């Protein structure tokens, strides 16, 4: 599985100190899991964490458990490289409030001695574990199949679509970079869509000339979306941009995918507006300070049982 496309990066690195402290919010970190099938018996796992406004005072760790089938919910503990509990430290004390982190959990072998199905659960080690999905081992030489605990949103045909989230990193008082995370939720895309980012002055509608006049132009970046795995995570970097001195209090950010090489249509997303764009957040400038507030990701990540 590829973990980057074009201008994508693997891990959204720690930002420069935020220009401001945004108002306090209930601490919450959203957790999901991605898998790369490396062969008939081997899978690599990565955990995606979206910090939703929490300020960590110390470093912590993430934890992944393999749970045996049955009502007892017993944890499977086997010798490496078999399924076993894994704990990985993370530098959470350095995370901005809207940080996105992708943590490599390692490679695991599910041979004939392992159960045919294992539930995966985990998250931050000091919080209750979240159900993240399950691994299903195929017959004979068939590959392992990963079934993620999908977000709840689907389109009208019941297909699971792409979820979009974002982080904003301030380079200095006025300049910033936007990193948009595209989380594929079980769908194989038939073409290489371009990722795009729009800036607007209102939370609804589509009026790009006003923000373009402020130097915040619509941006696009090619992807190899037709090769994305059904549970792949791709992060695309946009910018840097510079916030004008006369910028209004709120600037809204919308992102999505569109078919630049074809008919120009946008791909329907989980939780978009009627223009097939996801509201990923807004920039707030107030009292000489600026900060980024991420969009309403908690409504779509994580969700439901596999």
Protein backbone atom coordinates (compact mmCIF):
# COMPACT_ATOMS: atom_id res chain seq x y z
CA UNK A 1 0.00 0.00 0.00
CA UNK A 2 1.29 3.45 -0.88
CA UNK A 3 1.04 6.00 1.89
CA UNK A 4 1.64 9.15 -0.12
CA UNK A 5 0.59 10.66 -3.42
CA UNK A 6 2.06 13.63 -5.24
CA UNK A 7 2.41 16.26 -2.51
CA UNK A 8 1.20 13.94 0.24
CA UNK A 9 3.09 13.20 3.45
CA UNK A 10 2.99 10.25 5.78
CA UNK A 11 2.66 12.00 9.12
CA UNK A 12 1.39 15.51 9.66
CA UNK A 13 4.45 16.77 11.47
CA UNK A 14 4.21 18.87 14.60
CA UNK A 15 3.34 22.45 13.72
CA UNK A 16 5.10 25.58 14.84
CA UNK A 17 3.58 26.98 18.04
CA UNK A 18 0.01 28.03 17.35
CA UNK A 19 -0.59 31.72 16.92
CA UNK A 20 -3.25 31.58 19.60
CA UNK A 21 -4.99 29.36 22.08
CA UNK A 22 -8.48 28.51 20.90
CA UNK A 23 -11.32 28.26 23.44
CA UNK A 24 -11.33 25.16 25.61
CA UNK A 25 -13.22 22.13 24.29
CA UNK A 26 -13.93 18.74 25.82
CA UNK A 27 -10.82 16.58 25.22
CA UNK A 28 -11.35 14.03 22.48
CA UNK A 29 -9.15 12.16 20.03
CA UNK A 30 -10.77 10.42 17.07
CA UNK A 31 -9.19 7.10 16.14
CA UNK A 32 -9.36 4.92 13.05
CA UNK A 33 -7.18 2.17 11.57
CA UNK A 34 -5.77 1.42 8.12
CA UNK A 35 -4.22 -1.82 6.89
CA UNK A 36 -1.87 -2.87 4.14
CA UNK A 37 -2.05 -6.51 3.08
CA UNK A 38 1.51 -7.66 2.38
CA UNK A 39 0.76 -11.27 1.45
CA UNK A 40 -1.44 -14.29 2.19
CA UNK A 41 -0.53 -14.20 5.89
CA UNK A 42 0.95 -10.77 6.60
CA UNK A 43 -0.65 -7.37 7.22
CA UNK A 44 0.76 -3.98 8.28
CA UNK A 45 -1.38 -1.74 10.48
CA UNK A 46 -1.37 2.02 11.08
CA UNK A 47 -3.48 4.05 13.46
CA UNK A 48 -4.79 7.49 12.51
CA UNK A 49 -5.46 9.91 15.38
CA UNK A 50 -7.23 13.26 14.95
CA UNK A 51 -6.81 15.55 17.92
CA UNK A 52 -10.14 17.35 18.37
CA UNK A 53 -9.15 20.30 20.52
CA UNK A 54 -7.27 18.64 23.39
CA UNK A 55 -4.07 20.08 24.83
CA UNK A 56 -1.89 17.25 26.15
CA UNK A 57 0.29 18.13 29.12
CA UNK A 58 2.45 15.02 28.76
CA UNK A 59 3.38 12.41 26.18
CA UNK A 60 1.28 9.27 26.01
CA UNK A 61 1.08 6.12 23.89
CA UNK A 62 -1.33 4.31 21.59
CA UNK A 63 -2.42 0.73 22.08
CA UNK A 64 -3.77 -1.95 19.73
CA UNK A 65 -5.36 -5.23 20.84
CA UNK A 66 -6.38 -8.32 18.87
CA UNK A 67 -9.53 -9.77 20.41
CA UNK A 68 -10.55 -13.41 19.99
CA UNK A 69 -14.07 -14.16 18.76
CA UNK A 70 -16.60 -15.02 21.43
CA UNK A 71 -18.56 -13.29 24.19
CA UNK A 72 -15.59 -13.32 26.58
CA UNK A 73 -13.67 -10.79 24.49
CA UNK A 74 -10.34 -12.34 25.39
CA UNK A 75 -7.22 -10.67 24.00
CA UNK A 76 -5.02 -12.74 21.70
CA UNK A 77 -1.38 -12.73 22.78
CA UNK A 78 1.08 -14.65 20.60
CA UNK A 79 4.79 -14.33 19.97
CA UNK A 80 6.01 -11.88 17.30
CA UNK A 81 5.23 -11.61 14.46
CA UNK A 82 1.84 -13.05 15.42
CA UNK A 83 -1.17 -11.04 16.64
CA UNK A 84 -0.45 -9.46 20.01
CA UNK A 85 -1.01 -6.29 22.00
CA UNK A 86 1.18 -3.44 20.76
CA UNK A 87 1.92 -0.16 22.55
CA UNK A 88 3.69 2.68 20.75
CA UNK A 89 4.73 5.97 22.44
CA UNK A 90 3.66 9.26 20.83
CA UNK A 91 4.87 12.80 21.48
CA UNK A 92 1.38 14.09 22.26
CA UNK A 93 2.68 16.95 24.44
CA UNK A 94 3.88 18.58 21.22
CA UNK A 95 0.64 18.16 19.30
CA UNK A 96 -1.33 21.24 18.26
CA UNK A 97 -5.01 21.12 19.15
CA UNK A 98 -5.96 20.14 15.57
CA UNK A 99 -3.12 17.70 14.95
CA UNK A 100 -3.35 14.55 12.83
CA UNK A 101 -0.93 11.72 13.60
CA UNK A 102 -0.40 8.44 11.71
CA UNK A 103 1.34 5.80 13.84
CA UNK A 104 2.90 2.66 12.41
CA UNK A 105 1.97 -0.32 14.61
CA UNK A 106 4.07 -2.90 12.77
CA UNK A 107 3.59 -6.03 10.68
CA UNK A 108 1.65 -9.08 11.85
CA UNK A 109 1.40 -12.65 10.58
CA UNK A 110 -1.88 -14.56 10.70
CA UNK A 111 -0.98 -18.13 9.77
CA UNK A 112 -3.00 -21.33 10.16
CA UNK A 113 -2.55 -21.20 13.95
CA UNK A 114 -4.37 -17.86 14.24
CA UNK A 115 -8.19 -17.62 14.41
CA UNK A 116 -9.89 -16.95 11.09
CA UNK A 117 -11.25 -13.69 12.43
CA UNK A 118 -9.91 -11.22 14.98
CA UNK A 119 -11.49 -8.02 16.27
CA UNK A 120 -9.18 -4.99 16.47
CA UNK A 121 -9.62 -2.36 19.15
CA UNK A 122 -7.46 0.35 20.61
CA UNK A 123 -6.64 4.05 20.75
CA UNK A 124 -4.87 6.13 23.35
CA UNK A 125 -3.58 3.83 26.08
CA UNK A 126 -5.17 5.85 28.90
CA UNK A 127 -8.64 5.95 27.32
CA UNK A 128 -11.26 3.22 26.78
CA UNK A 129 -10.46 1.25 23.61
CA UNK A 130 -12.44 1.91 20.43
CA UNK A 131 -13.60 -0.84 18.06
CA UNK A 132 -11.52 -0.25 14.93
CA UNK A 133 -12.35 -3.17 12.65
CA UNK A 134 -11.53 -6.82 12.14
CA UNK A 135 -9.10 -9.05 10.26
CA UNK A 136 -10.48 -12.03 8.35
CA UNK A 137 -8.11 -14.75 7.17
CA UNK A 138 -9.00 -16.34 3.84
CA UNK A 139 -8.93 -19.99 2.87
CA UNK A 140 -5.69 -21.58 1.66
CA UNK A 141 -3.65 -18.97 -0.24
CA UNK A 142 -6.32 -16.28 -0.07
CA UNK A 143 -5.14 -12.98 1.36
CA UNK A 144 -6.07 -11.49 4.71
CA UNK A 145 -9.00 -9.10 4.48
CA UNK A 146 -9.30 -6.01 6.68
CA UNK A 147 -12.79 -4.69 7.43
CA UNK A 148 -12.65 -1.31 9.12
CA UNK A 149 -15.31 0.02 11.46
CA UNK A 150 -16.59 2.45 8.87
CA UNK A 151 -17.86 5.97 9.33
CA UNK A 152 -21.64 6.02 9.40
CA UNK A 153 -22.25 8.14 6.31
CA UNK A 154 -23.08 6.61 2.93
CA UNK A 155 -24.39 7.99 -0.32
CA UNK A 156 -27.85 7.31 -1.71
CA UNK A 157 -26.73 4.04 -3.27
CA UNK A 158 -25.37 2.78 0.05
CA UNK A 159 -21.74 3.06 -1.03
CA UNK A 160 -19.19 4.05 1.56
CA UNK A 161 -17.38 7.15 0.43
CA UNK A 162 -14.33 9.21 1.28
CA UNK A 163 -14.13 11.09 4.59
CA UNK A 164 -12.16 14.35 4.63
CA UNK A 165 -10.43 15.97 7.61
CA UNK A 166 -7.75 18.62 7.95
CA UNK A 167 -5.01 20.16 10.05
CA UNK A 168 -3.57 23.66 9.77
CA UNK A 169 0.03 24.50 10.61
CA UNK A 170 1.08 28.12 11.16
CA UNK A 171 4.52 29.00 9.81
CA UNK A 172 4.39 32.41 11.49
CA UNK A 173 1.78 35.00 12.47
CA UNK A 174 0.31 35.23 8.95
CA UNK A 175 1.49 32.23 6.93
CA UNK A 176 0.04 28.75 7.20
CA UNK A 177 -0.12 25.33 5.53
CA UNK A 178 -3.25 23.19 5.23
CA UNK A 179 -2.94 19.40 5.24
CA UNK A 180 -6.04 17.54 4.09
CA UNK A 181 -6.55 13.91 5.00
CA UNK A 182 -8.59 11.72 2.63
CA UNK A 183 -9.79 8.53 4.32
CA UNK A 184 -11.11 5.96 1.84
CA UNK A 185 -13.97 3.99 3.37
CA UNK A 186 -14.34 0.78 1.43
CA UNK A 187 -14.66 2.03 -2.13
CA UNK A 188 -12.50 1.46 -5.20
CA UNK A 189 -12.31 4.64 -7.25
CA UNK A 190 -12.35 4.37 -11.03
CA UNK A 191 -10.12 7.35 -11.85
CA UNK A 192 -7.37 9.59 -10.52
CA UNK A 193 -9.27 12.44 -8.94
CA UNK A 194 -7.55 15.71 -8.08
CA UNK A 195 -7.68 16.90 -4.48
CA UNK A 196 -8.85 20.50 -4.07
CA UNK A 197 -9.06 23.19 -1.39
CA UNK A 198 -11.35 26.24 -1.43
CA UNK A 199 -11.50 29.31 0.84
CA UNK A 200 -14.80 31.15 1.39
CA UNK A 201 -16.23 33.92 3.54
CA UNK A 202 -19.50 32.11 4.37
CA UNK A 203 -20.21 28.59 5.70
CA UNK A 204 -22.65 27.89 2.84
CA UNK A 205 -22.70 28.46 -0.87
CA UNK A 206 -19.76 28.81 -3.23
CA UNK A 207 -18.24 32.25 -3.70
CA UNK A 208 -14.51 32.00 -4.46
CA UNK A 209 -13.67 35.43 -5.99
CA UNK A 210 -13.85 37.21 -2.62
CA UNK A 211 -11.20 35.02 -0.99
CA UNK A 212 -9.14 34.99 -4.19
CA UNK A 213 -8.98 38.78 -3.86
CA UNK A 214 -7.41 38.18 -0.44
CA UNK A 215 -4.72 35.99 -2.02
CA UNK A 216 -6.34 32.71 -0.94
CA UNK A 217 -6.73 31.11 -4.34
CA UNK A 218 -8.48 27.76 -4.99
CA UNK A 219 -5.83 25.03 -5.04
CA UNK A 220 -5.67 21.57 -6.58
CA UNK A 221 -3.25 18.65 -6.46
CA UNK A 222 -3.27 15.44 -8.54
CA UNK A 223 -3.61 12.05 -6.83
CA UNK A 224 -3.40 8.43 -7.92
CA UNK A 225 -6.81 7.76 -6.39
CA UNK A 226 -7.59 4.91 -8.80
CA UNK A 227 -4.92 2.85 -7.03
CA UNK A 228 -6.08 3.64 -3.47
CA UNK A 229 -6.81 0.64 -1.30
CA UNK A 230 -10.27 0.32 0.20
CA UNK A 231 -9.04 1.52 3.59
CA UNK A 232 -6.25 3.85 2.51
CA UNK A 233 -5.33 7.17 4.08
CA UNK A 234 -3.76 9.89 1.93
CA UNK A 235 -2.63 13.31 3.15
CA UNK A 236 -2.25 16.20 0.67
CA UNK A 237 -0.40 19.40 1.53
CA UNK A 238 -1.70 22.78 0.32
CA UNK A 239 0.19 26.04 0.67
CA UNK A 240 1.85 27.90 2.21
CA UNK A 241 -0.71 30.70 2.17
CA UNK A 242 -0.52 34.16 3.69
CA UNK A 243 -3.43 35.68 5.55
CA UNK A 244 -4.05 39.27 4.44
CA UNK A 245 -3.95 42.03 7.02
CA UNK A 246 -7.55 42.92 6.12
CA UNK A 247 -8.80 39.33 6.43
CA UNK A 248 -12.29 39.01 7.97
CA UNK A 249 -12.97 37.29 11.27
CA UNK A 250 -13.95 33.97 9.66
CA UNK A 251 -12.60 32.22 6.57
CA UNK A 252 -14.10 28.80 5.82
CA UNK A 253 -12.19 25.94 4.19
CA UNK A 254 -13.79 23.31 1.97
CA UNK A 255 -12.10 20.34 0.31
CA UNK A 256 -12.91 17.39 -1.88
CA UNK A 257 -11.98 15.47 -5.02
CA UNK A 258 -12.81 16.31 -8.64
CA UNK A 259 -12.23 14.80 -12.09
CA UNK A 260 -10.01 17.44 -13.67
CA UNK A 261 -8.97 15.18 -16.57
CA UNK A 262 -12.57 14.21 -17.40
CA UNK A 263 -15.89 15.94 -16.93
CA UNK A 264 -14.83 18.03 -13.93
CA UNK A 265 -17.44 16.50 -11.62
CA UNK A 266 -16.75 16.17 -7.91
CA UNK A 267 -16.76 12.88 -6.05
CA UNK A 268 -19.57 12.60 -3.46
CA UNK A 269 -18.12 12.52 0.05
CA UNK A 270 -19.28 11.54 3.52
CA UNK A 271 -21.03 14.54 5.03
CA UNK A 272 -20.58 17.10 2.22
CA UNK A 273 -22.71 20.09 1.31
CA UNK A 274 -24.82 20.16 -1.85
CA UNK A 275 -21.72 21.13 -3.87
CA UNK A 276 -19.94 17.86 -3.00
CA UNK A 277 -17.39 19.63 -0.82
CA UNK A 278 -16.61 18.92 2.82
CA UNK A 279 -16.43 21.80 5.31
CA UNK A 280 -13.08 20.96 6.90
CA UNK A 281 -12.78 23.96 9.19
CA UNK A 282 -12.36 27.70 9.47
CA UNK A 283 -9.70 30.26 10.25
CA UNK A 284 -10.64 32.64 13.05
CA UNK A 285 -8.95 36.06 13.39
CA UNK A 286 -9.89 37.93 16.53
CA UNK A 287 -8.16 40.42 18.85
CA UNK A 288 -4.94 40.22 16.84
CA UNK A 289 -4.77 36.43 17.09
CA UNK A 290 -5.52 33.68 14.55
CA UNK A 291 -6.32 30.01 15.02
CA UNK A 292 -7.81 27.11 13.06
CA UNK A 293 -11.01 25.32 14.08
CA UNK A 294 -11.48 21.95 12.39
CA UNK A 295 -14.85 21.01 10.91
CA UNK A 296 -17.39 18.64 12.40
CA UNK A 297 -15.40 15.43 12.00
CA UNK A 298 -16.85 13.84 15.21
CA UNK A 299 -20.15 13.23 13.38
CA UNK A 300 -18.45 10.89 10.92
CA UNK A 301 -15.41 9.35 12.62
CA UNK A 302 -15.32 6.71 13.88
CA UNK A 303 -18.69 5.03 13.50
CA UNK A 304 -20.55 1.76 13.91
CA UNK A 305 -19.44 -1.81 13.89
CA UNK A 306 -17.84 -3.51 10.88
